[in-house]
C-alpha atoms as a PDB file:
ATOM      1  CA  MET A   1       6.443  40.077  39.751  1.00  0.00           C
ATOM      2  CA  LEU A   2       4.748  43.208  42.138  1.00  0.00           C
ATOM      3  CA  PHE A   3       3.810  40.851  44.969  1.00  0.00           C
ATOM      4  CA  HIS A   4       7.959  40.066  44.838  1.00  0.00           C
ATOM      5  CA  PHE A   5       8.976  43.454  44.756  1.00  0.00           C
ATOM      6  CA  ARG A   6       7.069  45.174  47.441  1.00  0.00           C
ATOM      7  CA  ARG A   7       7.322  42.135  49.666  1.00  0.00           C
ATOM      8  CA  GLY A   8      11.289  42.839  49.220  1.00  0.00           C
ATOM      9  CA  HIS A   9      10.864  46.067  49.875  1.00  0.00           C
ATOM     10  CA  PHE A  10       9.528  46.110  52.868  1.00  0.00           C
ATOM     11  CA  LEU A  11      12.368  43.179  54.139  1.00  0.00           C
ATOM     12  CA  GLN A  12      14.285  46.266  53.454  1.00  0.00           C
ATOM     13  CA  ARG A  13      12.798  48.722  55.016  1.00  0.00           C
ATOM     14  CA  ALA A  14      12.238  46.807  58.207  1.00  0.00           C
ATOM     15  CA  LEU A  15      15.978  45.856  57.797  1.00  0.00           C
ATOM     16  CA  ALA A  16      17.013  49.606  58.372  1.00  0.00           C
ATOM     17  CA  ALA A  17      14.574  50.120  61.107  1.00  0.00           C
ATOM     18  CA  LEU A  18      16.067  47.471  62.803  1.00  0.00           C
ATOM     19  CA  LEU A  19      19.686  48.339  62.052  1.00  0.00           C
ATOM     20  CA  ALA A  20      19.048  51.855  63.159  1.00  0.00           C
ATOM     21  CA  VAL A  21      17.047  50.487  66.581  1.00  0.00           C
ATOM     22  CA  ILE A  22      19.857  48.361  66.687  1.00  0.00           C
ATOM     23  CA  SER A  23      22.712  51.816  66.321  1.00  0.00           C
ATOM     24  CA  VAL A  24      20.500  53.539  68.567  1.00  0.00           C
ATOM     25  CA  ALA A  25      20.643  50.723  71.370  1.00  0.00           C
ATOM     26  CA  GLN A  26      24.811  50.906  70.882  1.00  0.00           C
ATOM     27  CA  ALA A  27      25.390  54.548  71.034  1.00  0.00           C
ATOM     28  CA  HIS A  28      25.882  55.691  74.782  1.00  0.00           C
ATOM     29  CA  VAL A  29      24.153  57.500  77.204  1.00  0.00           C
ATOM     30  CA  VAL A  30      25.153  61.609  76.453  1.00  0.00           C
ATOM     31  CA  PRO A  31      27.019  61.683  80.131  1.00  0.00           C
ATOM     32  CA  ASN A  32      26.141  65.538  82.323  1.00  0.00           C
ATOM     33  CA  MET A  33      27.987  67.698  84.826  1.00  0.00           C
ATOM     34  CA  THR A  34      26.716  68.341  87.873  1.00  0.00           C
ATOM     35  CA  VAL A  35      27.144  71.229  89.783  1.00  0.00           C
ATOM     36  CA  GLU A  36      26.531  72.199  93.314  1.00  0.00           C
ATOM     37  CA  ALA A  37      27.051  75.903  94.280  1.00  0.00           C
ATOM     38  CA  ASN A  38      26.817  76.353  98.141  1.00  0.00           C
ATOM     39  CA  PHE A  39      27.281  80.003  99.978  1.00  0.00           C
ATOM     40  CA  ALA A  40      27.874  79.972 103.255  1.00  0.00           C
ATOM     41  CA  ALA A  41      26.809  82.783 106.029  1.00  0.00           C
ATOM     42  CA  ASP A  42      30.415  84.068 106.161  1.00  0.00           C
ATOM     43  CA  ARG A  43      30.573  85.082 102.268  1.00  0.00           C
ATOM     44  CA  THR A  44      32.706  82.153 101.693  1.00  0.00           C
ATOM     45  CA  TYR A  45      31.219  80.035  98.969  1.00  0.00           C
ATOM     46  CA  THR A  46      32.118  76.219  97.668  1.00  0.00           C
ATOM     47  CA  LEU A  47      31.925  74.294  93.907  1.00  0.00           C
ATOM     48  CA  GLN A  48      31.487  71.089  93.934  1.00  0.00           C
ATOM     49  CA  ILE A  49      31.653  69.510  90.339  1.00  0.00           C
ATOM     50  CA  ASN A  50      30.531  65.613  89.283  1.00  0.00           C
ATOM     51  CA  VAL A  51      33.017  65.108  86.195  1.00  0.00           C
ATOM     52  CA  ASP A  52      32.320  61.927  84.067  1.00  0.00           C
ATOM     53  CA  PRO A  53      35.867  61.443  82.357  1.00  0.00           C
ATOM     54  CA  ARG A  54      34.549  61.069  78.988  1.00  0.00           C
ATOM     55  CA  ILE A  55      34.305  64.638  78.530  1.00  0.00           C
ATOM     56  CA  PHE A  56      37.773  65.348  78.620  1.00  0.00           C
ATOM     57  CA  LEU A  57      38.926  62.157  76.839  1.00  0.00           C
ATOM     58  CA  ALA A  58      36.710  62.988  73.863  1.00  0.00           C
ATOM     59  CA  ALA A  59      35.277  65.256  71.762  1.00  0.00           C
ATOM     60  CA  ASP A  60      31.866  63.046  71.073  1.00  0.00           C
ATOM     61  CA  PRO A  61      31.843  61.662  74.619  1.00  0.00           C
ATOM     62  CA  THR A  62      29.246  59.193  73.758  1.00  0.00           C
ATOM     63  CA  THR A  63      31.608  57.621  71.623  1.00  0.00           C
ATOM     64  CA  LEU A  64      32.798  55.929  74.643  1.00  0.00           C
ATOM     65  CA  PRO A  65      31.163  53.312  77.362  1.00  0.00           C
ATOM     66  CA  PRO A  66      31.197  54.831  80.872  1.00  0.00           C
ATOM     67  CA  VAL A  67      34.875  54.585  82.102  1.00  0.00           C
ATOM     68  CA  PRO A  68      35.547  51.883  84.353  1.00  0.00           C
ATOM     69  CA  GLY A  69      36.942  52.068  87.867  1.00  0.00           C
ATOM     70  CA  SER A  70      40.113  49.893  86.996  1.00  0.00           C
ATOM     71  CA  TRP A  71      41.355  52.575  83.971  1.00  0.00           C
ATOM     72  CA  TYR A  72      41.322  55.129  87.265  1.00  0.00           C
ATOM     73  CA  ARG A  73      42.783  52.472  89.795  1.00  0.00           C
ATOM     74  CA  GLU A  74      45.611  51.037  86.974  1.00  0.00           C
ATOM     75  CA  GLN A  75      47.366  53.900  86.581  1.00  0.00           C
ATOM     76  CA  THR A  76      50.490  55.552  87.999  1.00  0.00           C
ATOM     77  CA  PRO A  77      50.844  58.405  90.309  1.00  0.00           C
ATOM     78  CA  GLU A  78      51.926  59.818  87.364  1.00  0.00           C
ATOM     79  CA  GLN A  79      49.358  58.776  85.160  1.00  0.00           C
ATOM     80  CA  ARG A  80      46.686  60.382  87.302  1.00  0.00           C
ATOM     81  CA  ALA A  81      48.289  63.481  87.893  1.00  0.00           C
ATOM     82  CA  THR A  82      48.253  64.136  83.665  1.00  0.00           C
ATOM     83  CA  THR A  83      44.107  62.405  84.751  1.00  0.00           C
ATOM     84  CA  HIS A  84      43.587  65.298  87.099  1.00  0.00           C
ATOM     85  CA  GLN A  85      45.024  68.048  85.276  1.00  0.00           C
ATOM     86  CA  LYS A  86      43.033  67.284  82.269  1.00  0.00           C
ATOM     87  CA  ALA A  87      40.126  67.463  84.088  1.00  0.00           C
ATOM     88  CA  ARG A  88      41.210  71.119  85.493  1.00  0.00           C
ATOM     89  CA  GLU A  89      42.180  72.433  82.003  1.00  0.00           C
ATOM     90  CA  TYR A  90      38.723  71.150  80.835  1.00  0.00           C
ATOM     91  CA  LEU A  91      36.334  72.470  83.352  1.00  0.00           C
ATOM     92  CA  SER A  92      38.660  75.963  83.373  1.00  0.00           C
ATOM     93  CA  GLY A  93      37.973  76.634  79.347  1.00  0.00           C
ATOM     94  CA  ALA A  94      34.474  75.243  79.751  1.00  0.00           C
ATOM     95  CA  LEU A  95      32.700  76.921  83.140  1.00  0.00           C
ATOM     96  CA  GLY A  96      33.560  80.474  84.039  1.00  0.00           C
ATOM     97  CA  VAL A  97      31.534  82.702  87.006  1.00  0.00           C
ATOM     98  CA  LEU A  98      29.758  85.294  87.119  1.00  0.00           C
ATOM     99  CA  PHE A  99      29.971  87.556  90.438  1.00  0.00           C
ATOM    100  CA  GLY A 100      27.498  90.419  90.300  1.00  0.00           C
ATOM    101  CA  GLY A 101      27.370  90.287  86.133  1.00  0.00           C
ATOM    102  CA  GLN A 102      31.857  90.324  86.647  1.00  0.00           C
ATOM    103  CA  LYS A 103      33.400  87.327  84.904  1.00  0.00           C
ATOM    104  CA  SER A 104      36.387  85.672  86.588  1.00  0.00           C
ATOM    105  CA  VAL A 105      37.603  82.871  85.833  1.00  0.00           C
ATOM    106  CA  LEU A 106      36.905  79.348  87.849  1.00  0.00           C
ATOM    107  CA  PRO A 107      39.343  78.665  91.034  1.00  0.00           C
ATOM    108  CA  ASP A 108      41.471  76.509  91.329  1.00  0.00           C
ATOM    109  CA  CYS A 109      40.003  72.639  91.545  1.00  0.00           C
ATOM    110  CA  GLU A 110      40.935  69.508  94.214  1.00  0.00           C
ATOM    111  CA  ILE A 111      40.335  66.876  91.867  1.00  0.00           C
ATOM    112  CA  GLN A 112      39.158  63.447  93.940  1.00  0.00           C
ATOM    113  CA  ALA A 113      37.875  59.667  91.843  1.00  0.00           C
ATOM    114  CA  ILE A 114      34.997  59.042  93.553  1.00  0.00           C
ATOM    115  CA  ASP A 115      31.772  56.220  92.686  1.00  0.00           C
ATOM    116  CA  GLY A 116      29.533  57.028  89.602  1.00  0.00           C
ATOM    117  CA  ALA A 117      27.282  55.473  91.390  1.00  0.00           C
ATOM    118  CA  ASP A 118      26.772  56.774  94.726  1.00  0.00           C
ATOM    119  CA  ASN A 119      29.235  59.237  95.118  1.00  0.00           C
ATOM    120  CA  ASN A 120      31.579  58.139  97.317  1.00  0.00           C
ATOM    121  CA  PRO A 121      34.705  57.566  97.313  1.00  0.00           C
ATOM    122  CA  LEU A 122      36.135  55.536  94.233  1.00  0.00           C
ATOM    123  CA  LYS A 123      35.876  51.542  95.973  1.00  0.00           C
ATOM    124  CA  ALA A 124      37.230  48.223  94.836  1.00  0.00           C
ATOM    125  CA  ASP A 125      34.370  47.441  93.066  1.00  0.00           C
ATOM    126  CA  THR A 126      33.394  50.416  91.912  1.00  0.00           C
ATOM    127  CA  GLN A 127      32.241  50.083  87.587  1.00  0.00           C
ATOM    128  CA  GLU A 128      32.132  53.622  86.805  1.00  0.00           C
ATOM    129  CA  ILE A 129      34.679  55.931  87.557  1.00  0.00           C
ATOM    130  CA  HIS A 130      34.029  60.182  88.085  1.00  0.00           C
ATOM    131  CA  LEU A 131      35.530  62.918  89.224  1.00  0.00           C
ATOM    132  CA  LEU A 132      34.753  65.480  91.975  1.00  0.00           C
ATOM    133  CA  ALA A 133      36.256  68.544  90.895  1.00  0.00           C
ATOM    134  CA  THR A 134      36.139  71.251  94.103  1.00  0.00           C
ATOM    135  CA  ALA A 135      36.598  75.563  94.068  1.00  0.00           C
ATOM    136  CA  SER A 136      36.124  77.210  97.058  1.00  0.00           C
ATOM    137  CA  GLY A 137      36.899  81.105  97.289  1.00  0.00           C
ATOM    138  CA  ARG A 138      34.955  83.829  99.380  1.00  0.00           C
ATOM    139  CA  LEU A 139      32.553  86.301  97.383  1.00  0.00           C
ATOM    140  CA  PRO A 140      33.798  89.873  96.269  1.00  0.00           C
ATOM    141  CA  GLU A 141      32.085  92.515  98.799  1.00  0.00           C
ATOM    142  CA  THR A 142      29.742  93.885  96.499  1.00  0.00           C
ATOM    143  CA  ALA A 143      28.308  90.915  94.851  1.00  0.00           C
ATOM    144  CA  THR A 144      24.560  90.163  94.859  1.00  0.00           C
ATOM    145  CA  THR A 145      24.490  87.166  92.720  1.00  0.00           C
ATOM    146  CA  PHE A 146      25.880  84.149  91.066  1.00  0.00           C
ATOM    147  CA  GLN A 147      25.899  82.627  87.507  1.00  0.00           C
ATOM    148  CA  ILE A 148      27.390  80.166  85.341  1.00  0.00           C
ATOM    149  CA  ASP A 149      29.133  81.095  82.339  1.00  0.00           C
ATOM    150  CA  PHE A 150      28.894  77.652  80.498  1.00  0.00           C
ATOM    151  CA  ALA A 151      31.133  77.482  76.874  1.00  0.00           C
ATOM    152  CA  LYS A 152      29.456  76.938  73.571  1.00  0.00           C
ATOM    153  CA  ASP A 153      32.231  74.085  73.064  1.00  0.00           C
ATOM    154  CA  ALA A 154      31.531  72.411  76.319  1.00  0.00           C
ATOM    155  CA  ASN A 155      30.183  68.553  74.969  1.00  0.00           C
ATOM    156  CA  THR A 156      28.210  68.164  77.718  1.00  0.00           C
ATOM    157  CA  THR A 157      25.196  69.405  79.611  1.00  0.00           C
ATOM    158  CA  LEU A 158      24.850  70.990  83.096  1.00  0.00           C
ATOM    159  CA  ILE A 159      23.069  70.587  85.613  1.00  0.00           C
ATOM    160  CA  LEU A 160      22.960  73.390  88.298  1.00  0.00           C
ATOM    161  CA  LEU A 161      21.739  73.526  91.960  1.00  0.00           C
ATOM    162  CA  HIS A 162      22.620  76.073  94.528  1.00  0.00           C
ATOM    163  CA  THR A 163      22.911  75.644  98.448  1.00  0.00           C
ATOM    164  CA  GLN A 164      22.633  78.923 100.718  1.00  0.00           C
ATOM    165  CA  ALA A 165      23.390  78.393 104.790  1.00  0.00           C
ATOM    166  CA  GLY A 166      22.395  75.490 104.539  1.00  0.00           C
ATOM    167  CA  ARG A 167      19.132  75.761 102.347  1.00  0.00           C
ATOM    168  CA  ALA A 168      18.846  74.095  98.771  1.00  0.00           C
ATOM    169  CA  GLU A 169      17.004  76.246  96.112  1.00  0.00           C
ATOM    170  CA  PRO A 170      14.335  73.620  94.936  1.00  0.00           C
ATOM    171  CA  ARG A 171      14.602  74.311  91.395  1.00  0.00           C
ATOM    172  CA  PRO A 172      18.080  73.175  89.797  1.00  0.00           C
ATOM    173  CA  GLN A 173      18.886  74.642  86.307  1.00  0.00           C
ATOM    174  CA  VAL A 174      19.739  72.632  83.455  1.00  0.00           C
ATOM    175  CA  LEU A 175      21.997  74.350  80.943  1.00  0.00           C
ATOM    176  CA  PHE A 176      23.460  73.329  77.367  1.00  0.00           C
ATOM    177  CA  PRO A 177      26.827  75.400  75.827  1.00  0.00           C
ATOM    178  CA  GLY A 178      26.800  78.462  75.347  1.00  0.00           C
ATOM    179  CA  GLU A 179      24.385  78.665  77.513  1.00  0.00           C
ATOM    180  CA  THR A 180      24.371  80.873  80.948  1.00  0.00           C
ATOM    181  CA  SER A 181      22.982  80.413  84.370  1.00  0.00           C
ATOM    182  CA  ARG A 182      20.208  82.876  85.832  1.00  0.00           C
ATOM    183  CA  ALA A 183      20.930  84.574  88.416  1.00  0.00           C
ATOM    184  CA  PHE A 184      21.539  82.978  91.771  1.00  0.00           C
ATOM    185  CA  GLN A 185      20.384  85.832  94.998  1.00  0.00           C
ATOM    186  CA  LEU A 186      22.976  86.024  96.843  1.00  0.00           C
ATOM    187  CA  LYS A 187      22.368  86.806 100.587  1.00  0.00           C
ATOM    188  CA  THR A 188      23.728  90.604 101.630  1.00  0.00           C
ATOM    189  CA  ALA A 189      26.514  90.552 104.562  1.00  0.00           C
ATOM    190  CA  GLU A 190      24.617  91.314 108.242  1.00  0.00           C
ATOM    191  CA  ALA A 191      25.128  94.384 109.864  1.00  0.00           C
ATOM    192  CA  PRO A 192      27.157  93.774 113.332  1.00  0.00           C
ATOM    193  CA  ALA A 193      24.604  94.130 116.167  1.00  0.00           C
ATOM    194  CA  PRO A 194      25.697  96.477 118.368  1.00  0.00           C
ATOM    195  CA  PRO A 195      27.157  96.714 121.252  1.00  0.00           C
ATOM    196  CA  PRO A 196      25.022  96.040 124.455  1.00  0.00           C
ATOM    197  CA  ALA A 197      24.737  99.052 126.753  1.00  0.00           C
ATOM    198  CA  SER A 198      26.746  99.357 129.103  1.00  0.00           C
ATOM    199  CA  PRO A 199      25.871  99.488 132.512  1.00  0.00           C
ATOM    200  CA  PRO A 200      26.060 103.530 134.191  1.00  0.00           C
ATOM    201  CA  GLU A 201      29.270 103.695 135.907  1.00  0.00           C
ATOM    202  CA  THR A 202      29.702 103.716 139.917  1.00  0.00           C
ATOM    203  CA  SER A 203      28.995 107.208 140.729  1.00  0.00           C
ATOM    204  CA  ASN A 204      32.565 108.014 142.924  1.00  0.00           C
ATOM    205  CA  PRO A 205      32.545 107.493 146.521  1.00  0.00           C
ATOM    206  CA  LEU A 206      33.578 110.760 147.326  1.00  0.00           C
ATOM    207  CA  PHE A 207      31.664 112.562 145.000  1.00  0.00           C
ATOM    208  CA  LEU A 208      28.924 111.324 147.182  1.00  0.00           C
ATOM    209  CA  LEU A 209      30.713 111.742 150.702  1.00  0.00           C
ATOM    210  CA  ILE A 210      30.436 115.515 149.469  1.00  0.00           C
ATOM    211  CA  ALA A 211      27.023 115.657 148.291  1.00  0.00           C
ATOM    212  CA  LEU A 212      26.095 114.012 152.178  1.00  0.00           C
ATOM    213  CA  SER A 213      28.630 116.311 154.319  1.00  0.00           C
ATOM    214  CA  ILE A 214      26.656 119.348 152.300  1.00  0.00           C
ATOM    215  CA  THR A 215      23.097 118.028 152.627  1.00  0.00           C
ATOM    216  CA  ILE A 216      24.072 117.924 156.332  1.00  0.00           C
ATOM    217  CA  ILE A 217      25.854 121.593 156.477  1.00  0.00           C
ATOM    218  CA  LEU A 218      22.579 122.818 154.513  1.00  0.00           C
ATOM    219  CA  GLY A 219      20.602 120.875 157.270  1.00  0.00           C
ATOM    220  CA  ILE A 220      21.730 121.990 159.908  1.00  0.00           C
ATOM    221  CA  VAL A 221      22.014 125.889 158.442  1.00  0.00           C
ATOM    222  CA  ALA A 222      18.718 125.776 157.907  1.00  0.00           C
ATOM    223  CA  TRP A 223      17.444 124.413 161.269  1.00  0.00           C
ATOM    224  CA  GLN A 224      18.875 126.863 163.008  1.00  0.00           C
ATOM    225  CA  MET A 225      17.724 130.067 161.620  1.00  0.00           C
ATOM    226  CA  LEU A 226      14.033 127.966 161.671  1.00  0.00           C
ATOM    227  CA  ASN A 227      15.314 128.033 165.544  1.00  0.00           C
ATOM    228  CA  ARG A 228      16.611 131.838 165.514  1.00  0.00           C
ATOM    229  CA  HIS A 229      13.716 133.016 163.872  1.00  0.00           C
ATOM    230  CA  ARG A 230      11.138 130.986 166.651  1.00  0.00           C
ATOM    231  CA  HIS A 231      13.369 133.088 169.484  1.00  0.00           C
ATOM    232  CA  HIS A 232      13.068 136.510 167.736  1.00  0.00           C
ATOM    233  CA  HIS A 233       9.010 135.343 166.879  1.00  0.00           C
ATOM    234  CA  ARG A 234       8.600 134.888 170.725  1.00  0.00           C
ATOM    235  CA  ALA A 235      10.928 137.572 172.061  1.00  0.00           C
ATOM    236  CA  HIS A 236       8.460 140.505 170.607  1.00  0.00           C
ATOM    237  CA  ARG A 237       5.035 139.112 171.744  1.00  0.00           C
ATOM    238  CA  LYS A 238       2.527 141.012 173.377  1.00  0.00           C
ATOM    239  CA  PRO A 239       2.996 140.572 177.415  1.00  0.00           C
ATOM    240  CA  GLY A 240      -0.202 138.950 178.574  1.00  0.00           C
ATOM    241  CA  SER A 241      -1.149 137.192 175.220  1.00  0.00           C
ATOM    242  CA  MET A 242      -0.743 133.673 176.105  1.00  0.00           C
END
C-alpha cells in the first residue's frame, strides 16, 4: 500500500509539472516596444517607435497571440483610423520626453503598418503586424540631454536606441514600467564660422595720381635746390683752386 501511495503521489507531481510546462508553452511571449531616437546636426529629432498592437489591445498583452497581418488588412479605413488613434493614445500616456530634465509630452505621431519580422511596410504575406509610430520635433535651444520617461502602467518593456548625426550609440537601454532612461548627451549647436576676411580695397586711382604728382614735384624741387647749392658752391671757390 505504501508503494502504491508513493507511486500515486509521484504521478500527481509529475502530472502537475507537465501541466505547468504546457501552461508555460501556451503562454505568449511578452511583447516589447522599441524606440529609436535620431538627432540631426540641425537640432531636429525623430522618434521611431515600433509598437506591437497587443500592448494597446489588451491590459495583459501575453493573453493575446501575435496579431496577424490579415487583422489589419481586413479593416475598413474607419477601423484603421480607430486603430491608429488607440496606438497614439497609448503612446501619449506611456511615453514622456525630457530635454535638459524638463518633461514634455510626446509629439503627435504618424502611424504606419509594418511587417513585424523585418520592419518593412505591410505585405500581402505578412504573418505578424506591428505599427511604426513616428514623432518629429526640434530640440529646445538650451537642451543638452535627452531622456525617456516610461509610465508605471505601461504593460511592456522598452528598448531605447540613440543615433546622433548619423552615428548610433553602441549601448541600447532597456526600461521597465516606471523607469526613466539615463541622460543622453546632446551635441550643442556649433557656432557659425567667422566670415572670410575681405581682401583689401583697391586704392583710389585719384589718390594714387595725386600722391604721384606730389612725389614728382618734391623730386623736382629737391633737384633744383641741389643744383642751386652746387652753383653757389662753385661761385665762391677761390681762383686757382682748380
